[in-house]
Amino acid sequence: LRNMAGFKMDYFKGMSYDDIRPIFKKYFNSNVDFLEKTKEQMEE
């Protein structure tokens, strides 16, 4: 997540997994969507 969205490790210190998971999920899903779009464009 740090590399994907520019978050620093200090941002996550003291946070529980339940706090971090929604943030990770949001950025991970946007990356997956981008990869799927790119794959579709390559197939055309």
PDB file of N, CA and C in Angstrom:
ATOM      1  N   LEU A   1       0.834  -1.196   0.000  1.00  0.00           N
ATOM      2  CA  LEU A   1       0.000   0.000   0.000  1.00  0.00           C
ATOM      3  C   LEU A   1       0.870   1.247   0.000  1.00  0.00           C
ATOM      4  N   ARG A   2       1.959   1.203   0.709  1.00  0.00           N
ATOM      5  CA  ARG A   2       2.846   2.361   0.799  1.00  0.00           C
ATOM      6  C   ARG A   2       3.303   2.771  -0.587  1.00  0.00           C
ATOM      7  N   ASN A   3       3.709   1.809  -1.398  1.00  0.00           N
ATOM      8  CA  ASN A   3       4.200   2.131  -2.731  1.00  0.00           C
ATOM      9  C   ASN A   3       3.069   2.453  -3.696  1.00  0.00           C
ATOM     10  N   MET A   4       1.916   1.869  -3.503  1.00  0.00           N
ATOM     11  CA  MET A   4       0.809   2.067  -4.433  1.00  0.00           C
ATOM     12  C   MET A   4       0.193   3.453  -4.313  1.00  0.00           C
ATOM     13  N   ALA A   5       0.043   3.943  -3.095  1.00  0.00           N
ATOM     14  CA  ALA A   5      -0.737   5.166  -2.908  1.00  0.00           C
ATOM     15  C   ALA A   5       0.050   6.287  -2.248  1.00  0.00           C
ATOM     16  N   GLY A   6       1.327   6.083  -2.012  1.00  0.00           N
ATOM     17  CA  GLY A   6       2.142   7.140  -1.436  1.00  0.00           C
ATOM     18  C   GLY A   6       2.025   7.272   0.068  1.00  0.00           C
ATOM     19  N   PHE A   7       1.504   6.271   0.743  1.00  0.00           N
ATOM     20  CA  PHE A   7       1.417   6.312   2.194  1.00  0.00           C
ATOM     21  C   PHE A   7       2.780   6.008   2.794  1.00  0.00           C
ATOM     22  N   LYS A   8       3.098   6.660   3.887  1.00  0.00           N
ATOM     23  CA  LYS A   8       4.333   6.377   4.620  1.00  0.00           C
ATOM     24  C   LYS A   8       4.025   5.354   5.710  1.00  0.00           C
ATOM     25  N   MET A   9       5.027   4.604   6.113  1.00  0.00           N
ATOM     26  CA  MET A   9       4.822   3.583   7.142  1.00  0.00           C
ATOM     27  C   MET A   9       4.378   4.211   8.463  1.00  0.00           C
ATOM     28  N   ASP A  10       4.833   5.426   8.749  1.00  0.00           N
ATOM     29  CA  ASP A  10       4.447   6.093   9.996  1.00  0.00           C
ATOM     30  C   ASP A  10       2.934   6.298  10.077  1.00  0.00           C
ATOM     31  N   TYR A  11       2.296   6.447   8.938  1.00  0.00           N
ATOM     32  CA  TYR A  11       0.848   6.658   8.909  1.00  0.00           C
ATOM     33  C   TYR A  11       0.113   5.468   9.527  1.00  0.00           C
ATOM     34  N   PHE A  12       0.656   4.274   9.354  1.00  0.00           N
ATOM     35  CA  PHE A  12      -0.023   3.062   9.807  1.00  0.00           C
ATOM     36  C   PHE A  12       0.376   2.621  11.211  1.00  0.00           C
ATOM     37  N   LYS A  13       1.400   3.233  11.787  1.00  0.00           N
ATOM     38  CA  LYS A  13       1.837   2.825  13.122  1.00  0.00           C
ATOM     39  C   LYS A  13       0.723   3.077  14.129  1.00  0.00           C
ATOM     40  N   GLY A  14       0.460   2.075  14.939  1.00  0.00           N
ATOM     41  CA  GLY A  14      -0.569   2.184  15.963  1.00  0.00           C
ATOM     42  C   GLY A  14      -1.970   1.872  15.465  1.00  0.00           C
ATOM     43  N   MET A  15      -2.120   1.636  14.177  1.00  0.00           N
ATOM     44  CA  MET A  15      -3.438   1.297  13.636  1.00  0.00           C
ATOM     45  C   MET A  15      -3.622  -0.219  13.665  1.00  0.00           C
ATOM     46  N   SER A  16      -4.844  -0.637  13.883  1.00  0.00           N
ATOM     47  CA  SER A  16      -5.120  -2.068  13.874  1.00  0.00           C
ATOM     48  C   SER A  16      -5.371  -2.530  12.441  1.00  0.00           C
ATOM     49  N   TYR A  17      -5.389  -3.827  12.266  1.00  0.00           N
ATOM     50  CA  TYR A  17      -5.658  -4.403  10.941  1.00  0.00           C
ATOM     51  C   TYR A  17      -7.016  -3.938  10.427  1.00  0.00           C
ATOM     52  N   ASP A  18      -7.994  -3.870  11.333  1.00  0.00           N
ATOM     53  CA  ASP A  18      -9.344  -3.462  10.934  1.00  0.00           C
ATOM     54  C   ASP A  18      -9.378  -2.019  10.435  1.00  0.00           C
ATOM     55  N   ASP A  19      -8.473  -1.169  10.925  1.00  0.00           N
ATOM     56  CA  ASP A  19      -8.391   0.218  10.456  1.00  0.00           C
ATOM     57  C   ASP A  19      -7.712   0.303   9.093  1.00  0.00           C
ATOM     58  N   ILE A  20      -6.708  -0.523   8.877  1.00  0.00           N
ATOM     59  CA  ILE A  20      -5.912  -0.464   7.654  1.00  0.00           C
ATOM     60  C   ILE A  20      -6.624  -1.145   6.484  1.00  0.00           C
ATOM     61  N   ARG A  21      -7.336  -2.205   6.739  1.00  0.00           N
ATOM     62  CA  ARG A  21      -7.944  -3.020   5.680  1.00  0.00           C
ATOM     63  C   ARG A  21      -8.811  -2.221   4.700  1.00  0.00           C
ATOM     64  N   PRO A  22      -9.739  -1.351   5.169  1.00  0.00           N
ATOM     65  CA  PRO A  22     -10.560  -0.601   4.193  1.00  0.00           C
ATOM     66  C   PRO A  22      -9.732   0.316   3.295  1.00  0.00           C
ATOM     67  N   ILE A  23      -8.671   0.910   3.822  1.00  0.00           N
ATOM     68  CA  ILE A  23      -7.801   1.781   3.029  1.00  0.00           C
ATOM     69  C   ILE A  23      -7.108   0.949   1.959  1.00  0.00           C
ATOM     70  N   PHE A  24      -6.549  -0.188   2.373  1.00  0.00           N
ATOM     71  CA  PHE A  24      -5.858  -1.060   1.427  1.00  0.00           C
ATOM     72  C   PHE A  24      -6.814  -1.543   0.346  1.00  0.00           C
ATOM     73  N   LYS A  25      -8.000  -1.962   0.772  1.00  0.00           N
ATOM     74  CA  LYS A  25      -8.976  -2.517  -0.165  1.00  0.00           C
ATOM     75  C   LYS A  25      -9.358  -1.495  -1.236  1.00  0.00           C
ATOM     76  N   LYS A  26      -9.541  -0.250  -0.838  1.00  0.00           N
ATOM     77  CA  LYS A  26      -9.919   0.809  -1.778  1.00  0.00           C
ATOM     78  C   LYS A  26      -8.857   0.980  -2.864  1.00  0.00           C
ATOM     79  N   TYR A  27      -7.593   1.091  -2.463  1.00  0.00           N
ATOM     80  CA  TYR A  27      -6.529   1.318  -3.434  1.00  0.00           C
ATOM     81  C   TYR A  27      -6.215   0.062  -4.239  1.00  0.00           C
ATOM     82  N   PHE A  28      -6.321  -1.100  -3.606  1.00  0.00           N
ATOM     83  CA  PHE A  28      -6.075  -2.349  -4.314  1.00  0.00           C
ATOM     84  C   PHE A  28      -7.113  -2.551  -5.414  1.00  0.00           C
ATOM     85  N   ASN A  29      -8.376  -2.284  -5.094  1.00  0.00           N
ATOM     86  CA  ASN A  29      -9.442  -2.447  -6.088  1.00  0.00           C
ATOM     87  C   ASN A  29      -9.263  -1.497  -7.259  1.00  0.00           C
ATOM     88  N   SER A  30      -8.801  -0.276  -6.994  1.00  0.00           N
ATOM     89  CA  SER A  30      -8.599   0.663  -8.099  1.00  0.00           C
ATOM     90  C   SER A  30      -7.464   0.185  -9.001  1.00  0.00           C
ATOM     91  N   ASN A  31      -6.432  -0.428  -8.427  1.00  0.00           N
ATOM     92  CA  ASN A  31      -5.337  -0.971  -9.237  1.00  0.00           C
ATOM     93  C   ASN A  31      -5.801  -2.158 -10.069  1.00  0.00           C
ATOM     94  N   VAL A  32      -6.614  -3.022  -9.496  1.00  0.00           N
ATOM     95  CA  VAL A  32      -7.131  -4.179 -10.228  1.00  0.00           C
ATOM     96  C   VAL A  32      -7.991  -3.709 -11.399  1.00  0.00           C
ATOM     97  N   ASP A  33      -8.831  -2.704 -11.163  1.00  0.00           N
ATOM     98  CA  ASP A  33      -9.664  -2.161 -12.244  1.00  0.00           C
ATOM     99  C   ASP A  33      -8.800  -1.621 -13.375  1.00  0.00           C
ATOM    100  N   PHE A  34      -7.740  -0.912 -13.025  1.00  0.00           N
ATOM    101  CA  PHE A  34      -6.834  -0.357 -14.032  1.00  0.00           C
ATOM    102  C   PHE A  34      -6.192  -1.478 -14.856  1.00  0.00           C
ATOM    103  N   LEU A  35      -5.752  -2.533 -14.187  1.00  0.00           N
ATOM    104  CA  LEU A  35      -5.119  -3.645 -14.894  1.00  0.00           C
ATOM    105  C   LEU A  35      -6.098  -4.347 -15.831  1.00  0.00           C
ATOM    106  N   GLU A  36      -7.340  -4.496 -15.392  1.00  0.00           N
ATOM    107  CA  GLU A  36      -8.347  -5.126 -16.250  1.00  0.00           C
ATOM    108  C   GLU A  36      -8.620  -4.273 -17.486  1.00  0.00           C
ATOM    109  N   LYS A  37      -8.701  -2.943 -17.309  1.00  0.00           N
ATOM    110  CA  LYS A  37      -8.909  -2.039 -18.447  1.00  0.00           C
ATOM    111  C   LYS A  37      -7.750  -2.132 -19.429  1.00  0.00           C
ATOM    112  N   THR A  38      -6.545  -2.148 -18.895  1.00  0.00           N
ATOM    113  CA  THR A  38      -5.354  -2.232 -19.737  1.00  0.00           C
ATOM    114  C   THR A  38      -5.350  -3.539 -20.522  1.00  0.00           C
ATOM    115  N   LYS A  39      -5.711  -4.618 -19.860  1.00  0.00           N
ATOM    116  CA  LYS A  39      -5.752  -5.924 -20.521  1.00  0.00           C
ATOM    117  C   LYS A  39      -6.776  -5.928 -21.654  1.00  0.00           C
ATOM    118  N   GLU A  40      -7.950  -5.321 -21.411  1.00  0.00           N
ATOM    119  CA  GLU A  40      -8.982  -5.249 -22.447  1.00  0.00           C
ATOM    120  C   GLU A  40      -8.492  -4.443 -23.648  1.00  0.00           C
ATOM    121  N   GLN A  41      -7.795  -3.349 -23.395  1.00  0.00           N
ATOM    122  CA  GLN A  41      -7.293  -2.513 -24.485  1.00  0.00           C
ATOM    123  C   GLN A  41      -6.228  -3.242 -25.297  1.00  0.00           C
ATOM    124  N   MET A  42      -5.425  -4.046 -24.644  1.00  0.00           N
ATOM    125  CA  MET A  42      -4.383  -4.793 -25.352  1.00  0.00           C
ATOM    126  C   MET A  42      -4.994  -5.862 -26.256  1.00  0.00           C
ATOM    127  N   GLU A  43      -6.124  -6.423 -25.841  1.00  0.00           N
ATOM    128  CA  GLU A  43      -6.771  -7.470 -26.628  1.00  0.00           C
ATOM    129  C   GLU A  43      -7.438  -6.916 -27.881  1.00  0.00           C
ATOM    130  N   GLU A  44      -7.758  -5.636 -27.886  1.00  0.00           N
ATOM    131  CA  GLU A  44      -8.447  -5.034 -29.040  1.00  0.00           C
ATOM    132  C   GLU A  44      -7.533  -4.823 -30.212  1.00  0.00           C
TER     133      GLU A  44
END
